[in-house]
């Protein structure tokens, strides 16, 4: 969606005239707290919240809910950066600091899930930007969304780098009583220096693995999206072995390794960062990604093959997490879709 011919109302600090106009009744806010300093939040009332995934997309779900646009996690490589340009904002600093907040997300979710045309498809959250980014600590949109999914007994999954998901553990376990609930945390590497450099707004990787362990302990099957694996930065045999070992220790139900991909928007931002921080690697990256967004197939197969061998060696997936009770019935008129888990971006 774009913000053409719409009026912006400012609160607190003055409005930025360079920012495109947002939907009617939108409000800009800034918060003078360390975690939100330099960030602007655009509170809007969205027209809809459940999005259908294009049929050509190769993802294991049919619908998504995205309560936010832009992300304070500020991951340099984030593939969703390009989407900010659809709002006439840039894919770099604006994506990191100008966050769109759909304040009526829970209300819309409840209404759309109850609509006669809704057939109960699997809903993925966190597949574009993180639904448990720092802004969620203030806006608390996910509680209302999860309550709506629980009440509709609608299957869903969550992918996150955030620890805020544990605040909603009660709702997740309640939902797991009546439908299929899946979760994945994203942790591509454990190196603290790389983490601070390329994921500066996220909780530390070891804290994400603690989230994985806690979810599994409470019967919410949680795996790890080992992504992205960064060529020449986090792909050495020793680094891969350490990361898989720690993931296994968290009790992850599975590991899905994904090598860095550089789509437009993310590509420019990543290469600019690389030129500043690791200029010697720029030629090697241009060799790997010179023909497109993905590293050569042989490289991907070698790295993901190593991860899969390590996962098998550590027994990832052999132990089942505690299972929450499943109620035998489902609201009349709704057929339960086949359970799906979000394992790929």
C-alpha atoms as a PDB file:
ATOM      1  CA  UNK A   1       0.000   0.000   0.000  1.00  0.00           C
ATOM      2  CA  UNK A   2       1.078   3.588  -0.613  1.00  0.00           C
ATOM      3  CA  UNK A   3       0.210   6.752   1.241  1.00  0.00           C
ATOM      4  CA  UNK A   4      -0.892   8.990  -1.645  1.00  0.00           C
ATOM      5  CA  UNK A   5      -3.049  12.065  -1.011  1.00  0.00           C
ATOM      6  CA  UNK A   6      -3.550  11.265   2.661  1.00  0.00           C
ATOM      7  CA  UNK A   7      -3.090  13.534   5.663  1.00  0.00           C
ATOM      8  CA  UNK A   8      -0.571  12.992   8.464  1.00  0.00           C
ATOM      9  CA  UNK A   9      -1.162  14.121  12.054  1.00  0.00           C
ATOM     10  CA  UNK A  10       1.871  14.638  14.290  1.00  0.00           C
ATOM     11  CA  UNK A  11       2.092  14.190  18.062  1.00  0.00           C
ATOM     12  CA  UNK A  12       5.008  14.924  20.302  1.00  0.00           C
ATOM     13  CA  UNK A  13       7.752  16.032  17.936  1.00  0.00           C
ATOM     14  CA  UNK A  14       6.934  17.798  14.675  1.00  0.00           C
ATOM     15  CA  UNK A  15       6.009  15.879  11.550  1.00  0.00           C
ATOM     16  CA  UNK A  16       8.703  15.246   8.970  1.00  0.00           C
ATOM     17  CA  UNK A  17       7.530  16.927   5.734  1.00  0.00           C
ATOM     18  CA  UNK A  18       9.775  14.618   3.690  1.00  0.00           C
ATOM     19  CA  UNK A  19       7.820  11.547   4.781  1.00  0.00           C
ATOM     20  CA  UNK A  20       5.087  10.389   2.356  1.00  0.00           C
ATOM     21  CA  UNK A  21       1.542  10.966   3.552  1.00  0.00           C
ATOM     22  CA  UNK A  22      -0.142   8.125   5.377  1.00  0.00           C
ATOM     23  CA  UNK A  23      -3.701   6.865   5.662  1.00  0.00           C
ATOM     24  CA  UNK A  24      -6.503   8.929   7.107  1.00  0.00           C
ATOM     25  CA  UNK A  25      -6.196   9.431  10.831  1.00  0.00           C
ATOM     26  CA  UNK A  26      -2.590   8.258  10.923  1.00  0.00           C
ATOM     27  CA  UNK A  27      -0.421   9.538  13.738  1.00  0.00           C
ATOM     28  CA  UNK A  28       3.360   9.889  14.013  1.00  0.00           C
ATOM     29  CA  UNK A  29       5.010   9.216  17.341  1.00  0.00           C
ATOM     30  CA  UNK A  30       8.504   9.332  18.747  1.00  0.00           C
ATOM     31  CA  UNK A  31       9.548   8.010  22.150  1.00  0.00           C
ATOM     32  CA  UNK A  32      12.445   9.427  24.124  1.00  0.00           C
ATOM     33  CA  UNK A  33      13.687   6.103  25.441  1.00  0.00           C
ATOM     34  CA  UNK A  34      17.019   4.463  24.591  1.00  0.00           C
ATOM     35  CA  UNK A  35      15.498   1.539  22.670  1.00  0.00           C
ATOM     36  CA  UNK A  36      13.420   3.843  20.421  1.00  0.00           C
ATOM     37  CA  UNK A  37      15.695   6.856  20.103  1.00  0.00           C
ATOM     38  CA  UNK A  38      15.934   8.030  16.491  1.00  0.00           C
ATOM     39  CA  UNK A  39      12.872   6.024  15.463  1.00  0.00           C
ATOM     40  CA  UNK A  40       9.508   7.247  14.231  1.00  0.00           C
ATOM     41  CA  UNK A  41       6.319   5.205  14.444  1.00  0.00           C
ATOM     42  CA  UNK A  42       3.453   5.751  12.031  1.00  0.00           C
ATOM     43  CA  UNK A  43       0.247   4.496  13.583  1.00  0.00           C
ATOM     44  CA  UNK A  44      -2.296   3.635  10.913  1.00  0.00           C
ATOM     45  CA  UNK A  45      -5.639   1.920  10.682  1.00  0.00           C
ATOM     46  CA  UNK A  46      -5.183  -0.716   8.018  1.00  0.00           C
ATOM     47  CA  UNK A  47      -7.991  -1.769   5.688  1.00  0.00           C
ATOM     48  CA  UNK A  48      -7.195  -5.494   5.989  1.00  0.00           C
ATOM     49  CA  UNK A  49      -4.703  -7.662   7.862  1.00  0.00           C
ATOM     50  CA  UNK A  50      -4.765 -11.224   6.471  1.00  0.00           C
ATOM     51  CA  UNK A  51      -2.772 -11.317   3.242  1.00  0.00           C
ATOM     52  CA  UNK A  52      -2.922 -14.120   0.696  1.00  0.00           C
ATOM     53  CA  UNK A  53       0.464 -15.438  -0.443  1.00  0.00           C
ATOM     54  CA  UNK A  54       0.841 -15.463  -4.246  1.00  0.00           C
ATOM     55  CA  UNK A  55       0.389 -18.922  -5.712  1.00  0.00           C
ATOM     56  CA  UNK A  56       3.844 -18.788  -7.312  1.00  0.00           C
ATOM     57  CA  UNK A  57       5.551 -18.268  -3.954  1.00  0.00           C
ATOM     58  CA  UNK A  58       7.482 -21.300  -2.707  1.00  0.00           C
ATOM     59  CA  UNK A  59       6.547 -21.090   0.970  1.00  0.00           C
ATOM     60  CA  UNK A  60       4.665 -23.661   3.073  1.00  0.00           C
ATOM     61  CA  UNK A  61       1.751 -21.409   4.034  1.00  0.00           C
ATOM     62  CA  UNK A  62      -1.112 -19.656   2.287  1.00  0.00           C
ATOM     63  CA  UNK A  63      -1.686 -16.499   4.313  1.00  0.00           C
ATOM     64  CA  UNK A  64       0.262 -14.032   6.434  1.00  0.00           C
ATOM     65  CA  UNK A  65      -0.412 -11.399   9.068  1.00  0.00           C
ATOM     66  CA  UNK A  66       2.061  -8.514   9.313  1.00  0.00           C
ATOM     67  CA  UNK A  67       1.190  -6.003  12.063  1.00  0.00           C
ATOM     68  CA  UNK A  68       4.300  -3.918  11.302  1.00  0.00           C
ATOM     69  CA  UNK A  69       6.168  -2.587   8.260  1.00  0.00           C
ATOM     70  CA  UNK A  70       9.859  -1.815   8.711  1.00  0.00           C
ATOM     71  CA  UNK A  71      11.855  -3.354  11.545  1.00  0.00           C
ATOM     72  CA  UNK A  72      13.859  -2.058  14.476  1.00  0.00           C
ATOM     73  CA  UNK A  73      16.007  -5.186  14.475  1.00  0.00           C
ATOM     74  CA  UNK A  74      18.038  -3.425  11.766  1.00  0.00           C
ATOM     75  CA  UNK A  75      19.449  -6.622  10.249  1.00  0.00           C
ATOM     76  CA  UNK A  76      21.727  -5.411   7.480  1.00  0.00           C
ATOM     77  CA  UNK A  77      20.860  -8.299   5.160  1.00  0.00           C
ATOM     78  CA  UNK A  78      17.056  -8.305   5.657  1.00  0.00           C
ATOM     79  CA  UNK A  79      15.326  -9.459   2.467  1.00  0.00           C
ATOM     80  CA  UNK A  80      12.203  -7.395   3.331  1.00  0.00           C
ATOM     81  CA  UNK A  81      13.974  -4.061   2.908  1.00  0.00           C
ATOM     82  CA  UNK A  82      12.701  -3.593  -0.623  1.00  0.00           C
ATOM     83  CA  UNK A  83       9.103  -3.600   0.634  1.00  0.00           C
ATOM     84  CA  UNK A  84       9.655  -0.216   2.303  1.00  0.00           C
ATOM     85  CA  UNK A  85      10.116   1.339  -1.124  1.00  0.00           C
ATOM     86  CA  UNK A  86       6.474   0.501  -1.871  1.00  0.00           C
ATOM     87  CA  UNK A  87       5.644   3.134   0.754  1.00  0.00           C
ATOM     88  CA  UNK A  88       7.965   5.669  -0.915  1.00  0.00           C
ATOM     89  CA  UNK A  89      10.456   5.195   1.911  1.00  0.00           C
ATOM     90  CA  UNK A  90      13.995   3.940   1.393  1.00  0.00           C
ATOM     91  CA  UNK A  91      15.193   0.390   1.940  1.00  0.00           C
ATOM     92  CA  UNK A  92      18.105   1.447   4.132  1.00  0.00           C
ATOM     93  CA  UNK A  93      17.875   3.775   7.131  1.00  0.00           C
ATOM     94  CA  UNK A  94      14.119   4.330   6.708  1.00  0.00           C
ATOM     95  CA  UNK A  95      13.444   0.593   6.946  1.00  0.00           C
ATOM     96  CA  UNK A  96      15.348   0.524  10.247  1.00  0.00           C
ATOM     97  CA  UNK A  97      13.862   3.636  11.805  1.00  0.00           C
ATOM     98  CA  UNK A  98      10.445   4.431  10.282  1.00  0.00           C
ATOM     99  CA  UNK A  99       8.069   1.754  11.458  1.00  0.00           C
ATOM    100  CA  UNK A 100       4.464   1.461  10.318  1.00  0.00           C
ATOM    101  CA  UNK A 101       2.195   0.165  13.091  1.00  0.00           C
ATOM    102  CA  UNK A 102      -1.211  -1.252  12.162  1.00  0.00           C
ATOM    103  CA  UNK A 103      -2.918  -0.350  15.414  1.00  0.00           C
ATOM    104  CA  UNK A 104      -6.204  -2.057  14.460  1.00  0.00           C
ATOM    105  CA  UNK A 105      -4.512  -5.361  13.541  1.00  0.00           C
ATOM    106  CA  UNK A 106      -6.219  -7.410  16.271  1.00  0.00           C
ATOM    107  CA  UNK A 107      -9.652  -6.002  15.492  1.00  0.00           C
ATOM    108  CA  UNK A 108      -9.209  -6.782  11.800  1.00  0.00           C
ATOM    109  CA  UNK A 109      -7.877 -10.277  12.488  1.00  0.00           C
ATOM    110  CA  UNK A 110     -10.919 -11.179  14.566  1.00  0.00           C
ATOM    111  CA  UNK A 111     -13.304  -9.801  11.952  1.00  0.00           C
ATOM    112  CA  UNK A 112     -11.594 -11.453   8.969  1.00  0.00           C
ATOM    113  CA  UNK A 113     -11.260 -14.829  10.699  1.00  0.00           C
ATOM    114  CA  UNK A 114     -15.008 -14.780  11.406  1.00  0.00           C
ATOM    115  CA  UNK A 115     -15.989 -13.849   7.829  1.00  0.00           C
ATOM    116  CA  UNK A 116     -17.990 -16.533   5.976  1.00  0.00           C
ATOM    117  CA  UNK A 117     -15.511 -16.488   3.088  1.00  0.00           C
ATOM    118  CA  UNK A 118     -12.582 -17.411   5.344  1.00  0.00           C
ATOM    119  CA  UNK A 119     -11.732 -21.100   4.949  1.00  0.00           C
ATOM    120  CA  UNK A 120      -9.316 -21.498   7.825  1.00  0.00           C
ATOM    121  CA  UNK A 121      -5.988 -21.425   5.977  1.00  0.00           C
ATOM    122  CA  UNK A 122      -2.665 -21.597   7.791  1.00  0.00           C
ATOM    123  CA  UNK A 123      -1.489 -18.105   8.830  1.00  0.00           C
ATOM    124  CA  UNK A 124       2.232 -17.322   9.106  1.00  0.00           C
ATOM    125  CA  UNK A 125       3.556 -14.393  11.121  1.00  0.00           C
ATOM    126  CA  UNK A 126       7.073 -12.985  10.995  1.00  0.00           C
ATOM    127  CA  UNK A 127       7.538 -14.043   7.376  1.00  0.00           C
ATOM    128  CA  UNK A 128       8.127 -10.451   6.227  1.00  0.00           C
ATOM    129  CA  UNK A 129       9.302  -8.381   9.193  1.00  0.00           C
ATOM    130  CA  UNK A 130       9.498  -9.584  12.778  1.00  0.00           C
ATOM    131  CA  UNK A 131       6.159  -9.436  14.578  1.00  0.00           C
ATOM    132  CA  UNK A 132       8.076  -9.503  17.875  1.00  0.00           C
ATOM    133  CA  UNK A 133      10.460  -6.657  17.099  1.00  0.00           C
ATOM    134  CA  UNK A 134      11.046  -4.078  19.831  1.00  0.00           C
ATOM    135  CA  UNK A 135       7.961  -2.046  18.874  1.00  0.00           C
ATOM    136  CA  UNK A 136       5.795  -4.961  19.993  1.00  0.00           C
ATOM    137  CA  UNK A 137       6.958  -4.337  23.554  1.00  0.00           C
ATOM    138  CA  UNK A 138       5.081  -1.036  23.453  1.00  0.00           C
ATOM    139  CA  UNK A 139       2.183  -1.699  21.083  1.00  0.00           C
ATOM    140  CA  UNK A 140       1.303  -5.260  22.154  1.00  0.00           C
ATOM    141  CA  UNK A 141      -0.539  -6.076  18.930  1.00  0.00           C
ATOM    142  CA  UNK A 142       0.263  -9.772  18.965  1.00  0.00           C
ATOM    143  CA  UNK A 143      -1.810 -10.577  22.058  1.00  0.00           C
ATOM    144  CA  UNK A 144      -5.001  -9.537  20.325  1.00  0.00           C
ATOM    145  CA  UNK A 145      -4.021 -11.327  17.111  1.00  0.00           C
ATOM    146  CA  UNK A 146      -3.182 -14.547  18.946  1.00  0.00           C
ATOM    147  CA  UNK A 147      -6.418 -14.384  20.917  1.00  0.00           C
ATOM    148  CA  UNK A 148      -8.358 -14.056  17.666  1.00  0.00           C
ATOM    149  CA  UNK A 149      -6.540 -17.035  16.123  1.00  0.00           C
ATOM    150  CA  UNK A 150      -7.125 -19.077  19.274  1.00  0.00           C
ATOM    151  CA  UNK A 151     -10.827 -18.260  19.381  1.00  0.00           C
ATOM    152  CA  UNK A 152     -11.167 -19.180  15.692  1.00  0.00           C
ATOM    153  CA  UNK A 153      -9.134 -22.390  16.234  1.00  0.00           C
ATOM    154  CA  UNK A 154      -7.122 -21.326  13.201  1.00  0.00           C
ATOM    155  CA  UNK A 155      -3.684 -22.910  12.601  1.00  0.00           C
ATOM    156  CA  UNK A 156      -0.711 -20.552  12.618  1.00  0.00           C
ATOM    157  CA  UNK A 157       3.054 -20.328  12.931  1.00  0.00           C
ATOM    158  CA  UNK A 158       5.505 -17.667  14.045  1.00  0.00           C
ATOM    159  CA  UNK A 159       9.072 -16.915  12.983  1.00  0.00           C
ATOM    160  CA  UNK A 160      10.997 -14.514  15.191  1.00  0.00           C
ATOM    161  CA  UNK A 161      14.354 -13.286  16.409  1.00  0.00           C
ATOM    162  CA  UNK A 162      12.624 -11.705  19.386  1.00  0.00           C
ATOM    163  CA  UNK A 163      12.268 -12.859  22.980  1.00  0.00           C
ATOM    164  CA  UNK A 164       8.987 -10.984  23.437  1.00  0.00           C
ATOM    165  CA  UNK A 165       7.158 -14.066  22.176  1.00  0.00           C
ATOM    166  CA  UNK A 166       7.526 -15.551  25.675  1.00  0.00           C
ATOM    167  CA  UNK A 167       5.296 -12.801  27.038  1.00  0.00           C
ATOM    168  CA  UNK A 168       2.489 -14.462  25.062  1.00  0.00           C
ATOM    169  CA  UNK A 169       3.272 -18.017  26.134  1.00  0.00           C
ATOM    170  CA  UNK A 170      -0.112 -18.315  27.830  1.00  0.00           C
ATOM    171  CA  UNK A 171      -1.963 -17.541  24.594  1.00  0.00           C
ATOM    172  CA  UNK A 172       0.263 -19.843  22.561  1.00  0.00           C
ATOM    173  CA  UNK A 173      -0.402 -22.773  24.866  1.00  0.00           C
ATOM    174  CA  UNK A 174      -4.127 -22.031  24.898  1.00  0.00           C
ATOM    175  CA  UNK A 175      -4.160 -21.921  21.090  1.00  0.00           C
ATOM    176  CA  UNK A 176      -2.254 -25.210  20.955  1.00  0.00           C
ATOM    177  CA  UNK A 177      -5.180 -26.804  22.799  1.00  0.00           C
ATOM    178  CA  UNK A 178      -7.487 -26.217  19.831  1.00  0.00           C
ATOM    179  CA  UNK A 179      -5.344 -25.984  16.700  1.00  0.00           C
ATOM    180  CA  UNK A 180      -1.881 -26.516  15.244  1.00  0.00           C
ATOM    181  CA  UNK A 181       0.675 -24.000  16.478  1.00  0.00           C
ATOM    182  CA  UNK A 182       4.254 -23.931  15.195  1.00  0.00           C
ATOM    183  CA  UNK A 183       7.216 -21.703  15.910  1.00  0.00           C
ATOM    184  CA  UNK A 184      10.715 -21.089  14.636  1.00  0.00           C
ATOM    185  CA  UNK A 185      13.403 -18.828  15.974  1.00  0.00           C
ATOM    186  CA  UNK A 186      15.964 -17.428  13.556  1.00  0.00           C
ATOM    187  CA  UNK A 187      19.606 -17.840  14.555  1.00  0.00           C
ATOM    188  CA  UNK A 188      22.100 -18.223  11.741  1.00  0.00           C
ATOM    189  CA  UNK A 189      25.280 -17.959  13.813  1.00  0.00           C
ATOM    190  CA  UNK A 190      26.561 -17.381  17.347  1.00  0.00           C
ATOM    191  CA  UNK A 191      29.622 -15.162  16.813  1.00  0.00           C
ATOM    192  CA  UNK A 192      29.041 -12.136  19.099  1.00  0.00           C
ATOM    193  CA  UNK A 193      31.031  -9.700  16.957  1.00  0.00           C
ATOM    194  CA  UNK A 194      29.146 -10.608  13.789  1.00  0.00           C
ATOM    195  CA  UNK A 195      25.842 -10.467  15.654  1.00  0.00           C
ATOM    196  CA  UNK A 196      26.482  -6.953  16.979  1.00  0.00           C
ATOM    197  CA  UNK A 197      27.581  -5.789  13.529  1.00  0.00           C
ATOM    198  CA  UNK A 198      24.793  -7.174  11.338  1.00  0.00           C
ATOM    199  CA  UNK A 199      21.828  -7.642  13.726  1.00  0.00           C
ATOM    200  CA  UNK A 200      22.288  -4.691  16.098  1.00  0.00           C
ATOM    201  CA  UNK A 201      18.653  -4.412  17.217  1.00  0.00           C
ATOM    202  CA  UNK A 202      18.081  -8.077  18.039  1.00  0.00           C
ATOM    203  CA  UNK A 203      18.429 -10.110  21.223  1.00  0.00           C
ATOM    204  CA  UNK A 204      21.643 -12.138  21.341  1.00  0.00           C
ATOM    205  CA  UNK A 205      21.516 -15.489  19.505  1.00  0.00           C
ATOM    206  CA  UNK A 206      21.879 -17.497  22.720  1.00  0.00           C
ATOM    207  CA  UNK A 207      18.772 -15.779  24.092  1.00  0.00           C
ATOM    208  CA  UNK A 208      16.827 -16.823  20.992  1.00  0.00           C
ATOM    209  CA  UNK A 209      17.883 -20.414  21.586  1.00  0.00           C
ATOM    210  CA  UNK A 210      16.626 -20.085  25.153  1.00  0.00           C
ATOM    211  CA  UNK A 211      13.283 -19.043  23.642  1.00  0.00           C
ATOM    212  CA  UNK A 212      13.333 -22.200  21.516  1.00  0.00           C
ATOM    213  CA  UNK A 213      13.958 -24.347  24.601  1.00  0.00           C
ATOM    214  CA  UNK A 214      11.191 -22.658  26.593  1.00  0.00           C
ATOM    215  CA  UNK A 215       8.617 -23.036  23.822  1.00  0.00           C
ATOM    216  CA  UNK A 216       9.427 -26.726  23.425  1.00  0.00           C
ATOM    217  CA  UNK A 217       9.251 -27.232  27.182  1.00  0.00           C
ATOM    218  CA  UNK A 218       5.691 -25.879  27.056  1.00  0.00           C
ATOM    219  CA  UNK A 219       4.551 -28.077  24.193  1.00  0.00           C
ATOM    220  CA  UNK A 220       4.954 -25.533  21.386  1.00  0.00           C
ATOM    221  CA  UNK A 221       7.076 -27.308  18.781  1.00  0.00           C
ATOM    222  CA  UNK A 222       9.880 -24.917  17.899  1.00  0.00           C
ATOM    223  CA  UNK A 223      12.669 -25.305  15.373  1.00  0.00           C
ATOM    224  CA  UNK A 224      15.513 -23.060  14.299  1.00  0.00           C
ATOM    225  CA  UNK A 225      15.856 -21.304  10.995  1.00  0.00           C
ATOM    226  CA  UNK A 226      19.656 -21.262  10.757  1.00  0.00           C
ATOM    227  CA  UNK A 227      19.642 -18.189   8.599  1.00  0.00           C
ATOM    228  CA  UNK A 228      21.365 -16.484   7.160  1.00  0.00           C
ATOM    229  CA  UNK A 229      24.650 -18.306   6.937  1.00  0.00           C
ATOM    230  CA  UNK A 230      27.045 -15.559   5.825  1.00  0.00           C
ATOM    231  CA  UNK A 231      29.726 -16.535   3.303  1.00  0.00           C
ATOM    232  CA  UNK A 232      33.269 -15.973   4.603  1.00  0.00           C
ATOM    233  CA  UNK A 233      31.910 -14.638   7.916  1.00  0.00           C
ATOM    234  CA  UNK A 234      29.981 -17.473   9.592  1.00  0.00           C
ATOM    235  CA  UNK A 235      30.396 -20.468   7.251  1.00  0.00           C
ATOM    236  CA  UNK A 236      33.612 -22.089   8.469  1.00  0.00           C
ATOM    237  CA  UNK A 237      33.337 -25.744   9.594  1.00  0.00           C
ATOM    238  CA  UNK A 238      34.121 -24.728  13.181  1.00  0.00           C
ATOM    239  CA  UNK A 239      31.446 -22.012  13.220  1.00  0.00           C
ATOM    240  CA  UNK A 240      28.824 -24.278  11.695  1.00  0.00           C
ATOM    241  CA  UNK A 241      29.658 -27.043  14.176  1.00  0.00           C
ATOM    242  CA  UNK A 242      29.363 -24.715  17.165  1.00  0.00           C
ATOM    243  CA  UNK A 243      26.071 -23.245  15.976  1.00  0.00           C
ATOM    244  CA  UNK A 244      24.468 -26.624  15.303  1.00  0.00           C
ATOM    245  CA  UNK A 245      25.714 -27.965  18.641  1.00  0.00           C
ATOM    246  CA  UNK A 246      24.050 -25.098  20.510  1.00  0.00           C
ATOM    247  CA  UNK A 247      20.859 -25.403  18.483  1.00  0.00           C
ATOM    248  CA  UNK A 248      20.708 -29.103  19.311  1.00  0.00           C
ATOM    249  CA  UNK A 249      21.156 -28.308  22.999  1.00  0.00           C
ATOM    250  CA  UNK A 250      18.093 -26.058  22.832  1.00  0.00           C
ATOM    251  CA  UNK A 251      15.910 -29.037  21.929  1.00  0.00           C
ATOM    252  CA  UNK A 252      15.006 -27.640  18.510  1.00  0.00           C
ATOM    253  CA  UNK A 253      12.582 -29.861  16.618  1.00  0.00           C
ATOM    254  CA  UNK A 254      14.458 -29.221  13.363  1.00  0.00           C
ATOM    255  CA  UNK A 255      17.093 -27.031  11.726  1.00  0.00           C
ATOM    256  CA  UNK A 256      16.504 -25.309   8.377  1.00  0.00           C
ATOM    257  CA  UNK A 257      19.806 -23.880   7.065  1.00  0.00           C
ATOM    258  CA  UNK A 258      19.623 -21.041   4.540  1.00  0.00           C
ATOM    259  CA  UNK A 259      22.590 -19.302   2.954  1.00  0.00           C
ATOM    260  CA  UNK A 260      22.413 -15.519   2.651  1.00  0.00           C
ATOM    261  CA  UNK A 261      20.447 -14.274  -0.333  1.00  0.00           C
ATOM    262  CA  UNK A 262      20.699 -10.702  -1.567  1.00  0.00           C
ATOM    263  CA  UNK A 263      17.577  -9.426  -3.239  1.00  0.00           C
ATOM    264  CA  UNK A 264      17.335  -5.828  -4.489  1.00  0.00           C
ATOM    265  CA  UNK A 265      17.175  -3.426  -1.557  1.00  0.00           C
ATOM    266  CA  UNK A 266      19.017  -5.764   0.777  1.00  0.00           C
ATOM    267  CA  UNK A 267      21.798  -6.243  -1.780  1.00  0.00           C
ATOM    268  CA  UNK A 268      22.756  -2.572  -1.945  1.00  0.00           C
ATOM    269  CA  UNK A 269      22.568  -2.089   1.832  1.00  0.00           C
ATOM    270  CA  UNK A 270      24.608  -5.237   2.524  1.00  0.00           C
ATOM    271  CA  UNK A 271      27.330  -4.481  -0.036  1.00  0.00           C
ATOM    272  CA  UNK A 272      27.665  -0.927   1.293  1.00  0.00           C
ATOM    273  CA  UNK A 273      28.120  -2.319   4.813  1.00  0.00           C
ATOM    274  CA  UNK A 274      30.606  -4.891   3.538  1.00  0.00           C
ATOM    275  CA  UNK A 275      32.634  -2.206   1.753  1.00  0.00           C
ATOM    276  CA  UNK A 276      32.928  -0.277   5.033  1.00  0.00           C
ATOM    277  CA  UNK A 277      33.582  -3.172   7.399  1.00  0.00           C
ATOM    278  CA  UNK A 278      35.198  -5.923   5.276  1.00  0.00           C
ATOM    279  CA  UNK A 279      36.377  -4.355   2.005  1.00  0.00           C
ATOM    280  CA  UNK A 280      38.586  -7.351   1.208  1.00  0.00           C
ATOM    281  CA  UNK A 281      35.450  -9.510   0.950  1.00  0.00           C
ATOM    282  CA  UNK A 282      33.694  -7.351  -1.632  1.00  0.00           C
ATOM    283  CA  UNK A 283      35.308  -9.040  -4.677  1.00  0.00           C
ATOM    284  CA  UNK A 284      34.506 -12.465  -3.253  1.00  0.00           C
ATOM    285  CA  UNK A 285      30.874 -11.506  -2.732  1.00  0.00           C
ATOM    286  CA  UNK A 286      30.624 -10.086  -6.220  1.00  0.00           C
ATOM    287  CA  UNK A 287      31.932 -13.412  -7.484  1.00  0.00           C
ATOM    288  CA  UNK A 288      29.355 -15.350  -5.462  1.00  0.00           C
ATOM    289  CA  UNK A 289      26.399 -13.048  -6.118  1.00  0.00           C
ATOM    290  CA  UNK A 290      27.410 -11.511  -9.427  1.00  0.00           C
ATOM    291  CA  UNK A 291      24.649 -13.297 -11.331  1.00  0.00           C
ATOM    292  CA  UNK A 292      21.731 -12.804  -8.992  1.00  0.00           C
ATOM    293  CA  UNK A 293      20.353 -12.898  -5.499  1.00  0.00           C
ATOM    294  CA  UNK A 294      21.553 -16.407  -4.623  1.00  0.00           C
ATOM    295  CA  UNK A 295      24.967 -17.951  -4.098  1.00  0.00           C
ATOM    296  CA  UNK A 296      25.909 -20.720  -6.578  1.00  0.00           C
ATOM    297  CA  UNK A 297      24.028 -23.952  -6.060  1.00  0.00           C
ATOM    298  CA  UNK A 298      27.228 -25.892  -5.376  1.00  0.00           C
ATOM    299  CA  UNK A 299      28.156 -23.539  -2.545  1.00  0.00           C
ATOM    300  CA  UNK A 300      24.665 -23.714  -1.041  1.00  0.00           C
ATOM    301  CA  UNK A 301      24.598 -27.505  -1.203  1.00  0.00           C
ATOM    302  CA  UNK A 302      28.016 -27.797   0.408  1.00  0.00           C
ATOM    303  CA  UNK A 303      27.132 -25.566   3.357  1.00  0.00           C
ATOM    304  CA  UNK A 304      23.613 -26.866   3.943  1.00  0.00           C
ATOM    305  CA  UNK A 305      24.909 -30.426   3.568  1.00  0.00           C
ATOM    306  CA  UNK A 306      27.400 -29.805   6.373  1.00  0.00           C
ATOM    307  CA  UNK A 307      24.628 -28.450   8.589  1.00  0.00           C
ATOM    308  CA  UNK A 308      22.369 -31.415   7.911  1.00  0.00           C
ATOM    309  CA  UNK A 309      25.160 -33.868   8.722  1.00  0.00           C
ATOM    310  CA  UNK A 310      25.888 -32.054  11.962  1.00  0.00           C
ATOM    311  CA  UNK A 311      22.194 -31.963  12.863  1.00  0.00           C
ATOM    312  CA  UNK A 312      21.923 -35.728  12.325  1.00  0.00           C
ATOM    313  CA  UNK A 313      25.040 -36.312  14.415  1.00  0.00           C
ATOM    314  CA  UNK A 314      23.560 -34.309  17.303  1.00  0.00           C
ATOM    315  CA  UNK A 315      20.169 -35.973  17.021  1.00  0.00           C
ATOM    316  CA  UNK A 316      18.165 -32.875  16.195  1.00  0.00           C
ATOM    317  CA  UNK A 317      14.511 -33.808  15.876  1.00  0.00           C
ATOM    318  CA  UNK A 318      14.753 -37.204  17.554  1.00  0.00           C
ATOM    319  CA  UNK A 319      13.170 -36.068  20.800  1.00  0.00           C
ATOM    320  CA  UNK A 320       9.597 -34.818  20.654  1.00  0.00           C
ATOM    321  CA  UNK A 321       8.637 -31.767  22.715  1.00  0.00           C
ATOM    322  CA  UNK A 322       5.904 -32.074  25.311  1.00  0.00           C
ATOM    323  CA  UNK A 323       2.570 -32.170  23.524  1.00  0.00           C
ATOM    324  CA  UNK A 324      -0.206 -29.834  24.594  1.00  0.00           C
ATOM    325  CA  UNK A 325      -3.682 -31.380  24.813  1.00  0.00           C
ATOM    326  CA  UNK A 326      -5.791 -31.179  21.672  1.00  0.00           C
ATOM    327  CA  UNK A 327      -9.520 -30.668  22.006  1.00  0.00           C
ATOM    328  CA  UNK A 328     -11.447 -33.116  19.808  1.00  0.00           C
ATOM    329  CA  UNK A 329     -13.840 -30.649  18.189  1.00  0.00           C
ATOM    330  CA  UNK A 330     -13.645 -27.573  15.992  1.00  0.00           C
ATOM    331  CA  UNK A 331     -16.239 -24.877  15.316  1.00  0.00           C
ATOM    332  CA  UNK A 332     -18.991 -26.051  12.982  1.00  0.00           C
ATOM    333  CA  UNK A 333     -18.570 -25.273   9.335  1.00  0.00           C
ATOM    334  CA  UNK A 334     -14.775 -25.117   9.477  1.00  0.00           C
ATOM    335  CA  UNK A 335     -12.551 -27.894   8.205  1.00  0.00           C
ATOM    336  CA  UNK A 336      -9.150 -28.188   9.831  1.00  0.00           C
ATOM    337  CA  UNK A 337      -6.398 -27.641   7.237  1.00  0.00           C
ATOM    338  CA  UNK A 338      -3.428 -29.935   7.149  1.00  0.00           C
ATOM    339  CA  UNK A 339      -0.872 -28.748   9.753  1.00  0.00           C
ATOM    340  CA  UNK A 340       2.061 -26.818   8.362  1.00  0.00           C
ATOM    341  CA  UNK A 341       5.212 -25.436   9.884  1.00  0.00           C
ATOM    342  CA  UNK A 342       7.127 -22.377   8.810  1.00  0.00           C
ATOM    343  CA  UNK A 343      10.609 -23.608   7.995  1.00  0.00           C
ATOM    344  CA  UNK A 344      11.551 -21.366   5.092  1.00  0.00           C
ATOM    345  CA  UNK A 345      11.446 -17.645   4.458  1.00  0.00           C
END
